[in-house]
Amino acid sequence: MEPDKMEQEATFPLLFKVVHLQPGSADPPDSHAAGQFVHALSGVIEVGMGGQVFLAPPQYGVWIPPHLEHASHNRHAASYATVYVPEPLCAALPAHACTMVISPLIQAVLDTLRERGIGAPHSAPEQRLFAVLLDELRVAPGHDSYLPTSQDPLLARVLDALQASPWDGRSLAEWAASVHTTERTLARRCERDLHMSLGEWRQRLKVVRGIALLEAGRAVKEVALELGYSAPSAFIAMFHKQLGMTPQAYLRQKTG
């Protein structure tokens, strides 16, 4: 990084902190001049912005642009790392709220900041850590929420029902019949509002619920059965497909 760029960013240092949330915790609506990047260390974070709920498991983070009102509510316990990015440094970051994929380098820098207890850069090496983090956030792929919602009255009814009973294994055609529409219509509304199939959305829901249950100490077999799988192997395969690791590896990573 060029010296003049380093000097400019040192004038507007990023800030870092770790927050622990209890089950059912909620923060009132808030906004601030700085942008905010939030990354779950454990559990799944939920941030409401612009009428949407942005939800991300530990392999993703949530980006909150400057001045955007947001509120958080977590049904389950969670811990997260948050990075405040001063507004002058947000120009190359997304102008809209989104989830970001956590690269190995972002993960490594966040882990280093947390392990060393660095809240703000006070030396040249620490400043370089924050500069690397900022550069990585600028190129991180941005997406809609990991588990998007819909305002469509028919689709919202299906999603609400699955939220209440994630083990419900009804087919797309059966869900369509339950809200008095056709399979094709429901599939089109999933692609339009969720940008994925109902089956993909349901798998993501099961990952989110599975993480909460695993971190509460439930055995993999119990979690699999509770989420509607007839055998743990099917749950493990789905979990690995979604997060790139098995439930056991996920737990080892969190306790390691």
C-alpha atoms as a PDB file:
ATOM      1  CA  MET A   1       0.000   0.000   0.000  1.00  0.00           C
ATOM      2  CA  GLU A   2       1.337   3.464  -0.927  1.00  0.00           C
ATOM      3  CA  PRO A   3       2.556   5.665   1.980  1.00  0.00           C
ATOM      4  CA  ASP A   4       0.098   8.462   1.128  1.00  0.00           C
ATOM      5  CA  LYS A   5      -2.800   6.002   1.288  1.00  0.00           C
ATOM      6  CA  MET A   6      -1.570   4.677   4.634  1.00  0.00           C
ATOM      7  CA  GLU A   7      -1.330   8.230   5.962  1.00  0.00           C
ATOM      8  CA  GLN A   8      -4.857   9.026   4.794  1.00  0.00           C
ATOM      9  CA  GLU A   9      -6.317   5.938   6.420  1.00  0.00           C
ATOM     10  CA  ALA A  10      -4.397   6.536   9.642  1.00  0.00           C
ATOM     11  CA  THR A  11      -6.288   9.846   9.882  1.00  0.00           C
ATOM     12  CA  PHE A  12      -9.561   7.887   9.928  1.00  0.00           C
ATOM     13  CA  PRO A  13      -8.739   4.732  11.915  1.00  0.00           C
ATOM     14  CA  LEU A  14     -11.111   1.808  11.928  1.00  0.00           C
ATOM     15  CA  LEU A  15     -12.403   0.564  15.275  1.00  0.00           C
ATOM     16  CA  PHE A  16     -12.937  -3.051  16.320  1.00  0.00           C
ATOM     17  CA  LYS A  17     -14.851  -4.652  19.193  1.00  0.00           C
ATOM     18  CA  VAL A  18     -16.458  -7.938  20.206  1.00  0.00           C
ATOM     19  CA  VAL A  19     -20.053  -8.131  21.498  1.00  0.00           C
ATOM     20  CA  HIS A  20     -21.803 -11.052  23.226  1.00  0.00           C
ATOM     21  CA  LEU A  21     -25.589 -11.385  22.922  1.00  0.00           C
ATOM     22  CA  GLN A  22     -27.924 -13.317  25.198  1.00  0.00           C
ATOM     23  CA  PRO A  23     -30.893 -15.260  23.780  1.00  0.00           C
ATOM     24  CA  GLY A  24     -33.768 -12.915  22.976  1.00  0.00           C
ATOM     25  CA  SER A  25     -31.562  -9.806  23.121  1.00  0.00           C
ATOM     26  CA  ALA A  26     -32.583  -6.786  21.068  1.00  0.00           C
ATOM     27  CA  ASP A  27     -31.109  -3.369  20.337  1.00  0.00           C
ATOM     28  CA  PRO A  28     -33.357  -0.388  19.529  1.00  0.00           C
ATOM     29  CA  PRO A  29     -33.119   1.218  16.073  1.00  0.00           C
ATOM     30  CA  ASP A  30     -29.889   3.155  15.650  1.00  0.00           C
ATOM     31  CA  SER A  31     -27.795   4.816  12.960  1.00  0.00           C
ATOM     32  CA  HIS A  32     -24.352   6.356  12.900  1.00  0.00           C
ATOM     33  CA  ALA A  33     -22.035   8.207  10.557  1.00  0.00           C
ATOM     34  CA  ALA A  34     -19.589   5.313  10.322  1.00  0.00           C
ATOM     35  CA  GLY A  35     -20.224   2.219   8.240  1.00  0.00           C
ATOM     36  CA  GLN A  36     -20.319  -1.021  10.208  1.00  0.00           C
ATOM     37  CA  PHE A  37     -19.244  -4.534   9.323  1.00  0.00           C
ATOM     38  CA  VAL A  38     -20.622  -7.235  11.626  1.00  0.00           C
ATOM     39  CA  HIS A  39     -19.311 -10.812  11.671  1.00  0.00           C
ATOM     40  CA  ALA A  40     -20.690 -13.640  13.811  1.00  0.00           C
ATOM     41  CA  LEU A  41     -18.100 -15.423  15.929  1.00  0.00           C
ATOM     42  CA  SER A  42     -20.732 -17.887  17.111  1.00  0.00           C
ATOM     43  CA  GLY A  43     -24.430 -18.238  16.462  1.00  0.00           C
ATOM     44  CA  VAL A  44     -26.204 -16.329  13.709  1.00  0.00           C
ATOM     45  CA  ILE A  45     -26.590 -12.552  13.678  1.00  0.00           C
ATOM     46  CA  GLU A  46     -29.853 -10.862  12.665  1.00  0.00           C
ATOM     47  CA  VAL A  47     -29.962  -7.194  11.639  1.00  0.00           C
ATOM     48  CA  GLY A  48     -33.115  -5.426  10.481  1.00  0.00           C
ATOM     49  CA  MET A  49     -32.625  -2.661   7.878  1.00  0.00           C
ATOM     50  CA  GLY A  50     -34.916  -1.078   5.313  1.00  0.00           C
ATOM     51  CA  GLY A  51     -37.756  -3.482   5.965  1.00  0.00           C
ATOM     52  CA  GLN A  52     -35.511  -6.538   5.531  1.00  0.00           C
ATOM     53  CA  VAL A  53     -33.844  -8.849   8.023  1.00  0.00           C
ATOM     54  CA  PHE A  54     -30.214  -9.510   7.134  1.00  0.00           C
ATOM     55  CA  LEU A  55     -29.150 -12.755   8.657  1.00  0.00           C
ATOM     56  CA  ALA A  56     -25.704 -14.325   8.429  1.00  0.00           C
ATOM     57  CA  PRO A  57     -24.026 -17.417   9.857  1.00  0.00           C
ATOM     58  CA  PRO A  58     -20.294 -17.290  10.713  1.00  0.00           C
ATOM     59  CA  GLN A  59     -19.089 -17.695   7.105  1.00  0.00           C
ATOM     60  CA  TYR A  60     -20.757 -14.385   6.216  1.00  0.00           C
ATOM     61  CA  GLY A  61     -20.819 -10.848   7.569  1.00  0.00           C
ATOM     62  CA  VAL A  62     -23.388  -8.047   7.397  1.00  0.00           C
ATOM     63  CA  TRP A  63     -22.462  -4.652   5.964  1.00  0.00           C
ATOM     64  CA  ILE A  64     -24.361  -1.601   7.292  1.00  0.00           C
ATOM     65  CA  PRO A  65     -23.689   1.575   5.264  1.00  0.00           C
ATOM     66  CA  PRO A  66     -23.279   4.951   7.032  1.00  0.00           C
ATOM     67  CA  HIS A  67     -26.447   6.656   8.280  1.00  0.00           C
ATOM     68  CA  LEU A  68     -28.669   3.614   7.654  1.00  0.00           C
ATOM     69  CA  GLU A  69     -31.035   2.938  10.555  1.00  0.00           C
ATOM     70  CA  HIS A  70     -30.777  -0.646  11.788  1.00  0.00           C
ATOM     71  CA  ALA A  71     -31.862  -2.789  14.708  1.00  0.00           C
ATOM     72  CA  SER A  72     -30.788  -6.220  15.878  1.00  0.00           C
ATOM     73  CA  HIS A  73     -32.765  -9.011  17.481  1.00  0.00           C
ATOM     74  CA  ASN A  74     -31.312 -12.433  18.188  1.00  0.00           C
ATOM     75  CA  ARG A  75     -33.539 -15.330  19.156  1.00  0.00           C
ATOM     76  CA  HIS A  76     -30.486 -17.369  20.145  1.00  0.00           C
ATOM     77  CA  ALA A  77     -27.204 -16.549  21.865  1.00  0.00           C
ATOM     78  CA  ALA A  78     -24.541 -15.124  19.561  1.00  0.00           C
ATOM     79  CA  SER A  79     -21.197 -13.366  19.678  1.00  0.00           C
ATOM     80  CA  TYR A  80     -20.015 -11.043  16.965  1.00  0.00           C
ATOM     81  CA  ALA A  81     -17.065  -8.917  15.959  1.00  0.00           C
ATOM     82  CA  THR A  82     -17.875  -5.482  14.613  1.00  0.00           C
ATOM     83  CA  VAL A  83     -15.681  -3.091  12.644  1.00  0.00           C
ATOM     84  CA  TYR A  84     -16.590   0.596  12.381  1.00  0.00           C
ATOM     85  CA  VAL A  85     -15.439   2.200   9.125  1.00  0.00           C
ATOM     86  CA  PRO A  86     -15.381   6.037   9.092  1.00  0.00           C
ATOM     87  CA  GLU A  87     -17.551   7.510   6.357  1.00  0.00           C
ATOM     88  CA  PRO A  88     -14.662   8.919   4.253  1.00  0.00           C
ATOM     89  CA  LEU A  89     -13.377   5.336   3.826  1.00  0.00           C
ATOM     90  CA  CYS A  90     -16.737   3.865   2.772  1.00  0.00           C
ATOM     91  CA  ALA A  91     -16.731   5.161  -0.804  1.00  0.00           C
ATOM     92  CA  ALA A  92     -15.451   1.879  -2.238  1.00  0.00           C
ATOM     93  CA  LEU A  93     -17.750  -0.237  -0.051  1.00  0.00           C
ATOM     94  CA  PRO A  94     -21.361  -1.125  -0.982  1.00  0.00           C
ATOM     95  CA  ALA A  95     -23.821   1.762  -0.806  1.00  0.00           C
ATOM     96  CA  HIS A  96     -26.585  -0.646   0.220  1.00  0.00           C
ATOM     97  CA  ALA A  97     -26.930  -3.137   3.065  1.00  0.00           C
ATOM     98  CA  CYS A  98     -25.794  -6.643   2.187  1.00  0.00           C
ATOM     99  CA  THR A  99     -24.122  -9.791   3.424  1.00  0.00           C
ATOM    100  CA  MET A 100     -20.472 -10.354   2.562  1.00  0.00           C
ATOM    101  CA  VAL A 101     -18.582 -13.586   2.102  1.00  0.00           C
ATOM    102  CA  ILE A 102     -15.788 -13.914   4.680  1.00  0.00           C
ATOM    103  CA  SER A 103     -12.503 -14.663   2.918  1.00  0.00           C
ATOM    104  CA  PRO A 104      -9.745 -16.578   4.761  1.00  0.00           C
ATOM    105  CA  LEU A 105      -7.743 -13.348   4.960  1.00  0.00           C
ATOM    106  CA  ILE A 106     -10.634 -11.383   6.502  1.00  0.00           C
ATOM    107  CA  GLN A 107     -11.105 -14.219   8.999  1.00  0.00           C
ATOM    108  CA  ALA A 108      -7.389 -14.238   9.856  1.00  0.00           C
ATOM    109  CA  VAL A 109      -7.261 -10.471  10.461  1.00  0.00           C
ATOM    110  CA  LEU A 110     -10.414 -10.515  12.602  1.00  0.00           C
ATOM    111  CA  ASP A 111      -9.008 -13.423  14.636  1.00  0.00           C
ATOM    112  CA  THR A 112      -5.725 -11.561  15.130  1.00  0.00           C
ATOM    113  CA  LEU A 113      -7.473  -8.381  16.288  1.00  0.00           C
ATOM    114  CA  ARG A 114      -9.625 -10.361  18.710  1.00  0.00           C
ATOM    115  CA  GLU A 115      -6.803 -12.508  20.098  1.00  0.00           C
ATOM    116  CA  ARG A 116      -4.534  -9.496  20.634  1.00  0.00           C
ATOM    117  CA  GLY A 117      -7.303  -7.305  22.024  1.00  0.00           C
ATOM    118  CA  ILE A 118      -6.718  -4.557  19.456  1.00  0.00           C
ATOM    119  CA  GLY A 119      -9.625  -2.105  19.423  1.00  0.00           C
ATOM    120  CA  ALA A 120      -7.932   0.592  17.325  1.00  0.00           C
ATOM    121  CA  PRO A 121      -4.578   0.894  15.561  1.00  0.00           C
ATOM    122  CA  HIS A 122      -1.896   2.420  17.809  1.00  0.00           C
ATOM    123  CA  SER A 123       1.199   1.393  15.870  1.00  0.00           C
ATOM    124  CA  ALA A 124       2.309   1.006  12.259  1.00  0.00           C
ATOM    125  CA  PRO A 125       1.903  -2.820  12.297  1.00  0.00           C
ATOM    126  CA  GLU A 126      -1.597  -2.505  13.766  1.00  0.00           C
ATOM    127  CA  GLN A 127      -2.472   0.149  11.184  1.00  0.00           C
ATOM    128  CA  ARG A 128      -1.382  -2.239   8.438  1.00  0.00           C
ATOM    129  CA  LEU A 129      -3.682  -4.942   9.837  1.00  0.00           C
ATOM    130  CA  PHE A 130      -6.656  -2.583   9.625  1.00  0.00           C
ATOM    131  CA  ALA A 131      -5.593  -1.426   6.151  1.00  0.00           C
ATOM    132  CA  VAL A 132      -5.491  -5.040   4.917  1.00  0.00           C
ATOM    133  CA  LEU A 133      -8.928  -5.648   6.428  1.00  0.00           C
ATOM    134  CA  LEU A 134     -10.329  -2.572   4.695  1.00  0.00           C
ATOM    135  CA  ASP A 135      -8.863  -3.602   1.348  1.00  0.00           C
ATOM    136  CA  GLU A 136     -10.357  -7.093   1.697  1.00  0.00           C
ATOM    137  CA  LEU A 137     -13.795  -5.722   2.603  1.00  0.00           C
ATOM    138  CA  ARG A 138     -13.688  -3.531  -0.491  1.00  0.00           C
ATOM    139  CA  VAL A 139     -13.421  -6.576  -2.769  1.00  0.00           C
ATOM    140  CA  ALA A 140     -15.572  -9.033  -0.768  1.00  0.00           C
ATOM    141  CA  PRO A 141     -18.571 -10.343  -2.755  1.00  0.00           C
ATOM    142  CA  GLY A 142     -21.816  -8.764  -1.537  1.00  0.00           C
ATOM    143  CA  HIS A 143     -25.141 -10.609  -1.556  1.00  0.00           C
ATOM    144  CA  ASP A 144     -28.657 -10.300  -0.231  1.00  0.00           C
ATOM    145  CA  SER A 145     -29.287 -11.771   3.188  1.00  0.00           C
ATOM    146  CA  TYR A 146     -28.213 -15.377   3.673  1.00  0.00           C
ATOM    147  CA  LEU A 147     -31.860 -16.113   4.513  1.00  0.00           C
ATOM    148  CA  PRO A 148     -33.922 -13.445   2.688  1.00  0.00           C
ATOM    149  CA  THR A 149     -37.562 -12.687   3.395  1.00  0.00           C
ATOM    150  CA  SER A 150     -40.494 -11.742   1.148  1.00  0.00           C
ATOM    151  CA  GLN A 151     -43.362  -9.274   1.344  1.00  0.00           C
ATOM    152  CA  ASP A 152     -45.388 -11.356  -1.109  1.00  0.00           C
ATOM    153  CA  PRO A 153     -48.507 -12.514   0.798  1.00  0.00           C
ATOM    154  CA  LEU A 154     -48.445 -16.059  -0.589  1.00  0.00           C
ATOM    155  CA  LEU A 155     -44.712 -16.680  -0.305  1.00  0.00           C
ATOM    156  CA  ALA A 156     -44.495 -15.006   3.113  1.00  0.00           C
ATOM    157  CA  ARG A 157     -47.063 -17.480   4.464  1.00  0.00           C
ATOM    158  CA  VAL A 158     -44.940 -20.407   3.295  1.00  0.00           C
ATOM    159  CA  LEU A 159     -41.728 -18.931   4.738  1.00  0.00           C
ATOM    160  CA  ASP A 160     -43.421 -18.172   8.069  1.00  0.00           C
ATOM    161  CA  ALA A 161     -44.710 -21.731   8.254  1.00  0.00           C
ATOM    162  CA  LEU A 162     -41.240 -23.127   7.584  1.00  0.00           C
ATOM    163  CA  GLN A 163     -39.708 -20.812  10.180  1.00  0.00           C
ATOM    164  CA  ALA A 164     -42.161 -22.256  12.699  1.00  0.00           C
ATOM    165  CA  SER A 165     -41.588 -25.863  11.555  1.00  0.00           C
ATOM    166  CA  PRO A 166     -38.254 -26.220   9.704  1.00  0.00           C
ATOM    167  CA  TRP A 167     -38.663 -30.012   9.750  1.00  0.00           C
ATOM    168  CA  ASP A 168     -41.779 -29.808   7.548  1.00  0.00           C
ATOM    169  CA  GLY A 169     -40.867 -31.799   4.440  1.00  0.00           C
ATOM    170  CA  ARG A 170     -43.737 -30.839   2.150  1.00  0.00           C
ATOM    171  CA  SER A 171     -42.839 -30.488  -1.532  1.00  0.00           C
ATOM    172  CA  LEU A 172     -43.058 -27.255  -3.505  1.00  0.00           C
ATOM    173  CA  ALA A 173     -46.313 -28.472  -5.049  1.00  0.00           C
ATOM    174  CA  GLU A 174     -47.762 -29.220  -1.600  1.00  0.00           C
ATOM    175  CA  TRP A 175     -46.738 -25.812  -0.270  1.00  0.00           C
ATOM    176  CA  ALA A 176     -48.281 -24.167  -3.318  1.00  0.00           C
ATOM    177  CA  ALA A 177     -51.549 -26.010  -2.731  1.00  0.00           C
ATOM    178  CA  SER A 178     -51.530 -24.935   0.928  1.00  0.00           C
ATOM    179  CA  VAL A 179     -51.655 -21.249  -0.109  1.00  0.00           C
ATOM    180  CA  HIS A 180     -54.020 -21.870  -3.049  1.00  0.00           C
ATOM    181  CA  THR A 181     -51.617 -21.215  -5.895  1.00  0.00           C
ATOM    182  CA  THR A 182     -49.733 -23.270  -8.470  1.00  0.00           C
ATOM    183  CA  GLU A 183     -46.301 -24.828  -8.132  1.00  0.00           C
ATOM    184  CA  ARG A 184     -45.044 -22.738 -11.051  1.00  0.00           C
ATOM    185  CA  THR A 185     -46.319 -19.485  -9.523  1.00  0.00           C
ATOM    186  CA  LEU A 186     -44.729 -20.204  -6.166  1.00  0.00           C
ATOM    187  CA  ALA A 187     -41.427 -21.166  -7.819  1.00  0.00           C
ATOM    188  CA  ARG A 188     -41.394 -17.894  -9.790  1.00  0.00           C
ATOM    189  CA  ARG A 189     -42.015 -15.867  -6.633  1.00  0.00           C
ATOM    190  CA  CYS A 190     -39.147 -17.653  -4.878  1.00  0.00           C
ATOM    191  CA  GLU A 191     -36.758 -16.743  -7.687  1.00  0.00           C
ATOM    192  CA  ARG A 192     -38.076 -13.176  -7.831  1.00  0.00           C
ATOM    193  CA  ASP A 193     -37.930 -12.402  -4.092  1.00  0.00           C
ATOM    194  CA  LEU A 194     -35.416 -14.883  -2.686  1.00  0.00           C
ATOM    195  CA  HIS A 195     -33.180 -15.327  -5.754  1.00  0.00           C
ATOM    196  CA  MET A 196     -33.085 -19.045  -4.987  1.00  0.00           C
ATOM    197  CA  SER A 197     -35.377 -22.048  -4.966  1.00  0.00           C
ATOM    198  CA  LEU A 198     -37.562 -22.905  -1.998  1.00  0.00           C
ATOM    199  CA  GLY A 199     -35.433 -26.019  -1.477  1.00  0.00           C
ATOM    200  CA  GLU A 200     -32.240 -23.950  -1.205  1.00  0.00           C
ATOM    201  CA  TRP A 201     -33.940 -21.502   1.187  1.00  0.00           C
ATOM    202  CA  ARG A 202     -35.140 -24.403   3.341  1.00  0.00           C
ATOM    203  CA  GLN A 203     -31.602 -25.821   3.541  1.00  0.00           C
ATOM    204  CA  ARG A 204     -30.275 -22.456   4.672  1.00  0.00           C
ATOM    205  CA  LEU A 205     -32.995 -22.264   7.321  1.00  0.00           C
ATOM    206  CA  LYS A 206     -31.918 -25.680   8.600  1.00  0.00           C
ATOM    207  CA  VAL A 207     -28.287 -24.540   8.765  1.00  0.00           C
ATOM    208  CA  VAL A 208     -29.295 -21.514  10.825  1.00  0.00           C
ATOM    209  CA  ARG A 209     -31.405 -23.592  13.219  1.00  0.00           C
ATOM    210  CA  GLY A 210     -28.780 -26.340  13.275  1.00  0.00           C
ATOM    211  CA  ILE A 211     -26.042 -23.915  14.347  1.00  0.00           C
ATOM    212  CA  ALA A 212     -28.172 -22.694  17.257  1.00  0.00           C
ATOM    213  CA  LEU A 213     -28.921 -26.250  18.393  1.00  0.00           C
ATOM    214  CA  LEU A 214     -25.318 -27.457  18.039  1.00  0.00           C
ATOM    215  CA  GLU A 215     -23.981 -24.488  19.998  1.00  0.00           C
ATOM    216  CA  ALA A 216     -26.565 -25.209  22.702  1.00  0.00           C
ATOM    217  CA  GLY A 217     -24.887 -28.589  23.201  1.00  0.00           C
ATOM    218  CA  ARG A 218     -27.250 -30.822  21.246  1.00  0.00           C
ATOM    219  CA  ALA A 219     -25.758 -33.921  19.596  1.00  0.00           C
ATOM    220  CA  VAL A 220     -25.561 -34.031  15.805  1.00  0.00           C
ATOM    221  CA  LYS A 221     -27.973 -36.982  15.692  1.00  0.00           C
ATOM    222  CA  GLU A 222     -30.550 -35.104  17.794  1.00  0.00           C
ATOM    223  CA  VAL A 223     -30.239 -32.000  15.614  1.00  0.00           C
ATOM    224  CA  ALA A 224     -30.645 -34.038  12.437  1.00  0.00           C
ATOM    225  CA  LEU A 225     -33.815 -35.703  13.707  1.00  0.00           C
ATOM    226  CA  GLU A 226     -35.266 -32.418  14.970  1.00  0.00           C
ATOM    227  CA  LEU A 227     -34.748 -30.831  11.559  1.00  0.00           C
ATOM    228  CA  GLY A 228     -36.540 -33.655   9.772  1.00  0.00           C
ATOM    229  CA  TYR A 229     -33.661 -35.839   8.586  1.00  0.00           C
ATOM    230  CA  SER A 230     -34.047 -39.588   8.874  1.00  0.00           C
ATOM    231  CA  ALA A 231     -30.305 -40.071   9.344  1.00  0.00           C
ATOM    232  CA  PRO A 232     -27.467 -37.827  10.620  1.00  0.00           C
ATOM    233  CA  SER A 233     -25.481 -38.407   7.412  1.00  0.00           C
ATOM    234  CA  ALA A 234     -28.021 -36.462   5.336  1.00  0.00           C
ATOM    235  CA  PHE A 235     -27.874 -33.507   7.732  1.00  0.00           C
ATOM    236  CA  ILE A 236     -24.058 -33.617   7.784  1.00  0.00           C
ATOM    237  CA  ALA A 237     -23.930 -33.629   3.963  1.00  0.00           C
ATOM    238  CA  MET A 238     -26.300 -30.647   3.728  1.00  0.00           C
ATOM    239  CA  PHE A 239     -24.377 -28.717   6.416  1.00  0.00           C
ATOM    240  CA  HIS A 240     -21.093 -29.371   4.598  1.00  0.00           C
ATOM    241  CA  LYS A 241     -22.572 -28.252   1.282  1.00  0.00           C
ATOM    242  CA  GLN A 242     -23.756 -24.972   2.793  1.00  0.00           C
ATOM    243  CA  LEU A 243     -20.792 -24.054   5.007  1.00  0.00           C
ATOM    244  CA  GLY A 244     -17.927 -26.078   3.578  1.00  0.00           C
ATOM    245  CA  MET A 245     -17.400 -28.067   6.778  1.00  0.00           C
ATOM    246  CA  THR A 246     -19.133 -30.735   8.831  1.00  0.00           C
ATOM    247  CA  PRO A 247     -21.015 -29.881  12.040  1.00  0.00           C
ATOM    248  CA  GLN A 248     -18.196 -31.497  14.041  1.00  0.00           C
ATOM    249  CA  ALA A 249     -15.564 -29.403  12.248  1.00  0.00           C
ATOM    250  CA  TYR A 250     -17.673 -26.288  12.805  1.00  0.00           C
ATOM    251  CA  LEU A 251     -17.820 -26.944  16.548  1.00  0.00           C
ATOM    252  CA  ARG A 252     -14.083 -27.655  16.712  1.00  0.00           C
ATOM    253  CA  GLN A 253     -13.396 -24.381  14.935  1.00  0.00           C
ATOM    254  CA  LYS A 254     -15.527 -22.480  17.425  1.00  0.00           C
ATOM    255  CA  THR A 255     -13.946 -24.068  20.502  1.00  0.00           C
ATOM    256  CA  GLY A 256     -10.421 -24.342  19.132  1.00  0.00           C
END
